[in-house]
Amino acid sequence: MHPTHPAIDQALIPQTEVCKVIGQTRSGLDKLRKKDPTFPKPIKFGSSRQATAYYVIAELNAWLAAKIKERDA
């Protein structure tokens, strides 16, 4: 595994990119978030419903690692 820079781990990724990475549509991602309480919570920089949602890359990586570990158990 390659060492990572702390700033990279705390970087944000927009919801549209999260959908591409995990192979889900926006509605699929919404269903996943409702079904799986361990899925990371988004961060919004605005109070409107239309404000872009961002996710912390480190949290997504940790969630994915937990899912892989659960699968392999």
C-alpha atoms as a PDB file:
ATOM      1  CA  MET A   1       0.000   0.000   0.000  1.00  0.00           C
ATOM      2  CA  HIS A   2       1.284   3.464  -0.847  1.00  0.00           C
ATOM      3  CA  PRO A   3       1.688   6.009   1.941  1.00  0.00           C
ATOM      4  CA  THR A   4      -0.812   8.841   1.689  1.00  0.00           C
ATOM      5  CA  HIS A   5      -0.562  12.448   2.605  1.00  0.00           C
ATOM      6  CA  PRO A   6      -2.908  13.498   5.489  1.00  0.00           C
ATOM      7  CA  ALA A   7      -4.335  16.340   3.416  1.00  0.00           C
ATOM      8  CA  ILE A   8      -5.289  13.868   0.684  1.00  0.00           C
ATOM      9  CA  ASP A   9      -7.189  11.675   3.166  1.00  0.00           C
ATOM     10  CA  GLN A  10      -9.165  14.680   4.374  1.00  0.00           C
ATOM     11  CA  ALA A  11      -9.918  15.832   0.837  1.00  0.00           C
ATOM     12  CA  LEU A  12     -13.500  16.024  -0.322  1.00  0.00           C
ATOM     13  CA  ILE A  13     -15.092  14.393  -3.335  1.00  0.00           C
ATOM     14  CA  PRO A  14     -18.393  15.614  -4.809  1.00  0.00           C
ATOM     15  CA  GLN A  15     -21.420  13.331  -4.742  1.00  0.00           C
ATOM     16  CA  THR A  16     -21.395  12.997  -8.533  1.00  0.00           C
ATOM     17  CA  GLU A  17     -17.902  11.472  -8.361  1.00  0.00           C
ATOM     18  CA  VAL A  18     -18.905   9.172  -5.491  1.00  0.00           C
ATOM     19  CA  CYS A  19     -21.704   7.831  -7.691  1.00  0.00           C
ATOM     20  CA  LYS A  20     -19.231   7.092 -10.473  1.00  0.00           C
ATOM     21  CA  VAL A  21     -16.724   5.435  -8.123  1.00  0.00           C
ATOM     22  CA  ILE A  22     -19.240   3.080  -6.494  1.00  0.00           C
ATOM     23  CA  GLY A  23     -21.243   2.512  -9.671  1.00  0.00           C
ATOM     24  CA  GLN A  24     -24.525   3.957  -8.469  1.00  0.00           C
ATOM     25  CA  THR A  25     -26.954   6.545  -9.745  1.00  0.00           C
ATOM     26  CA  ARG A  26     -27.849   9.441  -7.457  1.00  0.00           C
ATOM     27  CA  SER A  27     -31.090   7.705  -6.465  1.00  0.00           C
ATOM     28  CA  GLY A  28     -29.148   4.468  -5.911  1.00  0.00           C
ATOM     29  CA  LEU A  29     -26.759   6.327  -3.622  1.00  0.00           C
ATOM     30  CA  ASP A  30     -29.721   7.781  -1.697  1.00  0.00           C
ATOM     31  CA  LYS A  31     -31.160   4.274  -1.242  1.00  0.00           C
ATOM     32  CA  LEU A  32     -27.758   2.985  -0.094  1.00  0.00           C
ATOM     33  CA  ARG A  33     -27.437   5.803   2.458  1.00  0.00           C
ATOM     34  CA  LYS A  34     -30.904   5.005   3.865  1.00  0.00           C
ATOM     35  CA  LYS A  35     -30.291   1.230   3.906  1.00  0.00           C
ATOM     36  CA  ASP A  36     -26.753   1.295   5.321  1.00  0.00           C
ATOM     37  CA  PRO A  37     -26.348   3.500   8.408  1.00  0.00           C
ATOM     38  CA  THR A  38     -22.565   3.007   8.267  1.00  0.00           C
ATOM     39  CA  PHE A  39     -22.272   4.833   4.935  1.00  0.00           C
ATOM     40  CA  PRO A  40     -20.476   8.165   5.454  1.00  0.00           C
ATOM     41  CA  LYS A  41     -22.586  11.274   5.906  1.00  0.00           C
ATOM     42  CA  PRO A  42     -22.233  14.032   3.318  1.00  0.00           C
ATOM     43  CA  ILE A  43     -21.000  17.547   4.001  1.00  0.00           C
ATOM     44  CA  LYS A  44     -22.885  20.456   2.443  1.00  0.00           C
ATOM     45  CA  PHE A  45     -21.601  23.993   2.089  1.00  0.00           C
ATOM     46  CA  GLY A  46     -24.993  25.651   1.978  1.00  0.00           C
ATOM     47  CA  SER A  47     -28.409  25.333   3.527  1.00  0.00           C
ATOM     48  CA  SER A  48     -30.465  24.787   0.380  1.00  0.00           C
ATOM     49  CA  ARG A  49     -31.581  21.344  -0.750  1.00  0.00           C
ATOM     50  CA  GLN A  50     -29.693  21.882  -3.988  1.00  0.00           C
ATOM     51  CA  ALA A  51     -26.354  22.554  -2.269  1.00  0.00           C
ATOM     52  CA  THR A  52     -23.712  20.163  -3.571  1.00  0.00           C
ATOM     53  CA  ALA A  53     -22.962  17.267  -1.241  1.00  0.00           C
ATOM     54  CA  TYR A  54     -19.327  16.293  -0.643  1.00  0.00           C
ATOM     55  CA  TYR A  55     -17.829  13.246   1.048  1.00  0.00           C
ATOM     56  CA  VAL A  56     -14.553  12.846   2.929  1.00  0.00           C
ATOM     57  CA  ILE A  57     -12.346  10.487   0.927  1.00  0.00           C
ATOM     58  CA  ALA A  58     -10.886   8.850   4.061  1.00  0.00           C
ATOM     59  CA  GLU A  59     -14.390   8.025   5.342  1.00  0.00           C
ATOM     60  CA  LEU A  60     -15.365   6.469   2.013  1.00  0.00           C
ATOM     61  CA  ASN A  61     -12.147   4.421   1.983  1.00  0.00           C
ATOM     62  CA  ALA A  62     -12.780   3.222   5.545  1.00  0.00           C
ATOM     63  CA  TRP A  63     -16.360   2.269   4.691  1.00  0.00           C
ATOM     64  CA  LEU A  64     -15.237   0.344   1.628  1.00  0.00           C
ATOM     65  CA  ALA A  65     -12.475  -1.423   3.596  1.00  0.00           C
ATOM     66  CA  ALA A  66     -15.047  -2.470   6.217  1.00  0.00           C
ATOM     67  CA  LYS A  67     -17.325  -3.852   3.489  1.00  0.00           C
ATOM     68  CA  ILE A  68     -14.454  -5.851   1.981  1.00  0.00           C
ATOM     69  CA  LYS A  69     -13.484  -7.186   5.419  1.00  0.00           C
ATOM     70  CA  GLU A  70     -17.119  -8.127   6.094  1.00  0.00           C
ATOM     71  CA  ARG A  71     -17.330  -9.911   2.739  1.00  0.00           C
ATOM     72  CA  ASP A  72     -14.116 -11.855   3.372  1.00  0.00           C
ATOM     73  CA  ALA A  73     -14.997 -12.868   6.935  1.00  0.00           C
END
